Amino acid sequence: VQLQASGGGLVQAGGSLRLSCVASGTTGTMVAMAWYRQSPGKQRELVARITSGGSANYADSVKGRFTISRDNAKNTVYLQMNNLKPEDTAVYYCNAETWRAYWGKGTQVTVSS
C-alpha cells in the first residue's frame, strides 16, 4: 500500500484545513485508515482513525473540531480540521492498517496565533 497525503499548510488560529490521503496498491486489504501527528520533541500520536465500516474515533484533544471521513471508491481518507489551535501544529501522517501498518510522507500543518 502506498499513501500520498496532501493539504497541509499555514493557517491562523481559528481557521480550517482539510487533509487528504490517497491509497494505492493492495488497498483491498486495508481494515482502517488513520491520521497521526508529531510535533518537535513529542511522540507521534493518533489523531483520528476510521475503519473500513466507517466507525471513527478521535483523540480527546480534537474531538468536536476534527472530522475523519473516507471515500472507499476513491481509496481516500480525509481529515477536516476546524477551529485550529497553535497546539495543532505538527507534521501529520496518513496511516493504513492491513496485516501491518503503512505510512505516508507527512504533511506540515502550522497554526499561527
C-alpha atoms as a PDB file:
ATOM      1  CA  VAL A   1       0.000   0.000   0.000  1.00  0.00           C
ATOM      2  CA  GLN A   2       1.299   3.433  -0.950  1.00  0.00           C
ATOM      3  CA  LEU A   3      -0.080   6.576   0.668  1.00  0.00           C
ATOM      4  CA  GLN A   4       0.046  10.109  -0.678  1.00  0.00           C
ATOM      5  CA  ALA A   5      -1.026  12.869   1.689  1.00  0.00           C
ATOM      6  CA  SER A   6      -1.743  16.476   0.816  1.00  0.00           C
ATOM      7  CA  GLY A   7      -3.493  19.555   2.147  1.00  0.00           C
ATOM      8  CA  GLY A   8      -1.183  20.873   4.834  1.00  0.00           C
ATOM      9  CA  GLY A   9      -0.212  24.494   5.114  1.00  0.00           C
ATOM     10  CA  LEU A  10      -0.125  27.619   7.226  1.00  0.00           C
ATOM     11  CA  VAL A  11      -3.328  28.904   8.788  1.00  0.00           C
ATOM     12  CA  GLN A  12      -4.270  31.313  11.526  1.00  0.00           C
ATOM     13  CA  ALA A  13      -5.794  30.119  14.762  1.00  0.00           C
ATOM     14  CA  GLY A  14      -9.490  29.512  14.307  1.00  0.00           C
ATOM     15  CA  GLY A  15      -9.056  28.613  10.670  1.00  0.00           C
ATOM     16  CA  SER A  16      -9.637  25.351   8.828  1.00  0.00           C
ATOM     17  CA  LEU A  17      -7.709  22.918   6.672  1.00  0.00           C
ATOM     18  CA  ARG A  18      -8.597  19.661   5.012  1.00  0.00           C
ATOM     19  CA  LEU A  19      -6.045  16.920   4.620  1.00  0.00           C
ATOM     20  CA  SER A  20      -6.397  14.191   2.022  1.00  0.00           C
ATOM     21  CA  CYS A  21      -4.639  10.868   1.692  1.00  0.00           C
ATOM     22  CA  VAL A  22      -4.929   8.665  -1.375  1.00  0.00           C
ATOM     23  CA  ALA A  23      -4.074   4.992  -1.050  1.00  0.00           C
ATOM     24  CA  SER A  24      -2.902   2.831  -3.929  1.00  0.00           C
ATOM     25  CA  GLY A  25      -1.738  -0.736  -4.298  1.00  0.00           C
ATOM     26  CA  THR A  26      -3.330  -3.606  -2.375  1.00  0.00           C
ATOM     27  CA  THR A  27      -5.969  -1.374  -0.820  1.00  0.00           C
ATOM     28  CA  GLY A  28      -8.470  -4.201  -0.534  1.00  0.00           C
ATOM     29  CA  THR A  29      -6.585  -5.485   2.487  1.00  0.00           C
ATOM     30  CA  MET A  30      -6.957  -2.246   4.449  1.00  0.00           C
ATOM     31  CA  VAL A  31      -9.047  -2.570   7.603  1.00  0.00           C
ATOM     32  CA  ALA A  32      -8.660   1.012   8.760  1.00  0.00           C
ATOM     33  CA  MET A  33      -7.033   4.315   7.909  1.00  0.00           C
ATOM     34  CA  ALA A  34      -5.880   6.957  10.305  1.00  0.00           C
ATOM     35  CA  TRP A  35      -4.148  10.260  10.791  1.00  0.00           C
ATOM     36  CA  TYR A  36      -1.318  10.689  13.243  1.00  0.00           C
ATOM     37  CA  ARG A  37       0.703  13.764  14.074  1.00  0.00           C
ATOM     38  CA  GLN A  38       4.079  14.534  15.531  1.00  0.00           C
ATOM     39  CA  SER A  39       5.418  17.839  16.768  1.00  0.00           C
ATOM     40  CA  PRO A  40       9.057  18.520  17.666  1.00  0.00           C
ATOM     41  CA  GLY A  41      10.164  16.761  20.813  1.00  0.00           C
ATOM     42  CA  LYS A  42       6.961  14.746  21.106  1.00  0.00           C
ATOM     43  CA  GLN A  43       5.955  11.235  20.226  1.00  0.00           C
ATOM     44  CA  ARG A  44       3.745  10.533  17.264  1.00  0.00           C
ATOM     45  CA  GLU A  45       0.144  10.444  18.415  1.00  0.00           C
ATOM     46  CA  LEU A  46      -3.110   9.193  16.957  1.00  0.00           C
ATOM     47  CA  VAL A  47      -5.399  11.999  15.844  1.00  0.00           C
ATOM     48  CA  ALA A  48      -8.284  10.090  14.271  1.00  0.00           C
ATOM     49  CA  ARG A  49      -8.973   6.644  12.877  1.00  0.00           C
ATOM     50  CA  ILE A  50     -11.735   5.255  10.699  1.00  0.00           C
ATOM     51  CA  THR A  51     -12.454   1.617   9.929  1.00  0.00           C
ATOM     52  CA  SER A  52     -13.499   0.201   6.595  1.00  0.00           C
ATOM     53  CA  GLY A  53     -17.014   0.057   8.025  1.00  0.00           C
ATOM     54  CA  GLY A  54     -16.987   3.755   8.851  1.00  0.00           C
ATOM     55  CA  SER A  55     -16.522   3.686  12.605  1.00  0.00           C
ATOM     56  CA  ALA A  56     -14.383   6.591  13.759  1.00  0.00           C
ATOM     57  CA  ASN A  57     -12.565   7.526  16.919  1.00  0.00           C
ATOM     58  CA  TYR A  58     -10.658  10.657  17.874  1.00  0.00           C
ATOM     59  CA  ALA A  59      -8.054  11.926  20.262  1.00  0.00           C
ATOM     60  CA  ASP A  60      -9.691  13.869  23.068  1.00  0.00           C
ATOM     61  CA  SER A  61      -7.789  16.984  22.048  1.00  0.00           C
ATOM     62  CA  VAL A  62      -9.500  17.156  18.644  1.00  0.00           C
ATOM     63  CA  LYS A  63     -12.998  15.911  19.405  1.00  0.00           C
ATOM     64  CA  GLY A  64     -15.612  18.348  18.164  1.00  0.00           C
ATOM     65  CA  ARG A  65     -13.110  20.118  15.902  1.00  0.00           C
ATOM     66  CA  PHE A  66     -11.777  17.445  13.541  1.00  0.00           C
ATOM     67  CA  THR A  67     -13.725  15.033  11.372  1.00  0.00           C
ATOM     68  CA  ILE A  68     -12.297  11.994   9.626  1.00  0.00           C
ATOM     69  CA  SER A  69     -14.077  10.524   6.632  1.00  0.00           C
ATOM     70  CA  ARG A  70     -13.297   8.178   3.795  1.00  0.00           C
ATOM     71  CA  ASP A  71     -14.350   7.598   0.224  1.00  0.00           C
ATOM     72  CA  ASN A  72     -13.870   3.890  -0.362  1.00  0.00           C
ATOM     73  CA  ALA A  73     -14.431   4.233  -4.096  1.00  0.00           C
ATOM     74  CA  LYS A  74     -11.514   6.654  -4.296  1.00  0.00           C
ATOM     75  CA  ASN A  75      -9.411   4.923  -1.618  1.00  0.00           C
ATOM     76  CA  THR A  76      -9.113   8.290   0.039  1.00  0.00           C
ATOM     77  CA  VAL A  77      -9.319   9.384   3.644  1.00  0.00           C
ATOM     78  CA  TYR A  78      -9.894  12.976   4.670  1.00  0.00           C
ATOM     79  CA  LEU A  79      -9.302  14.940   7.828  1.00  0.00           C
ATOM     80  CA  GLN A  80     -11.366  18.099   8.115  1.00  0.00           C
ATOM     81  CA  MET A  81      -9.795  20.318  10.745  1.00  0.00           C
ATOM     82  CA  ASN A  82     -11.795  23.256  12.059  1.00  0.00           C
ATOM     83  CA  ASN A  83     -11.114  25.807  14.776  1.00  0.00           C
ATOM     84  CA  LEU A  84      -7.415  25.069  14.564  1.00  0.00           C
ATOM     85  CA  LYS A  85      -5.207  25.937  17.506  1.00  0.00           C
ATOM     86  CA  PRO A  86      -1.467  26.628  17.682  1.00  0.00           C
ATOM     87  CA  GLU A  87      -1.060  23.339  19.550  1.00  0.00           C
ATOM     88  CA  ASP A  88      -2.315  21.519  16.454  1.00  0.00           C
ATOM     89  CA  THR A  89       0.914  22.485  14.713  1.00  0.00           C
ATOM     90  CA  ALA A  90       2.655  19.280  13.689  1.00  0.00           C
ATOM     91  CA  VAL A  91       3.568  17.035  10.821  1.00  0.00           C
ATOM     92  CA  TYR A  92       0.513  14.945  10.014  1.00  0.00           C
ATOM     93  CA  TYR A  93       0.937  11.398   8.748  1.00  0.00           C
ATOM     94  CA  CYS A  94      -1.523   9.166   6.978  1.00  0.00           C
ATOM     95  CA  ASN A  95      -1.633   5.544   8.111  1.00  0.00           C
ATOM     96  CA  ALA A  96      -3.207   2.419   6.660  1.00  0.00           C
ATOM     97  CA  GLU A  97      -3.713  -0.808   8.585  1.00  0.00           C
ATOM     98  CA  THR A  98      -3.541  -4.204   6.945  1.00  0.00           C
ATOM     99  CA  TRP A  99      -1.623  -7.066   8.478  1.00  0.00           C
ATOM    100  CA  ARG A 100       0.974  -4.368   9.005  1.00  0.00           C
ATOM    101  CA  ALA A 101       0.986  -0.603   9.175  1.00  0.00           C
ATOM    102  CA  TYR A 102       1.815   1.577   6.213  1.00  0.00           C
ATOM    103  CA  TRP A 103       2.809   5.221   6.443  1.00  0.00           C
ATOM    104  CA  GLY A 104       2.747   8.092   4.033  1.00  0.00           C
ATOM    105  CA  LYS A 105       5.121  11.009   3.996  1.00  0.00           C
ATOM    106  CA  GLY A 106       3.983  13.671   6.379  1.00  0.00           C
ATOM    107  CA  THR A 107       2.369  16.971   5.555  1.00  0.00           C
ATOM    108  CA  GLN A 108       3.146  20.023   7.661  1.00  0.00           C
ATOM    109  CA  VAL A 109       0.343  21.879   9.392  1.00  0.00           C
ATOM    110  CA  THR A 110       1.286  25.170  11.036  1.00  0.00           C
ATOM    111  CA  VAL A 111      -1.225  27.194  13.029  1.00  0.00           C
ATOM    112  CA  SER A 112      -0.203  30.724  13.923  1.00  0.00           C
ATOM    113  CA  SER A 113      -1.585  32.539  16.949  1.00  0.00           C
END
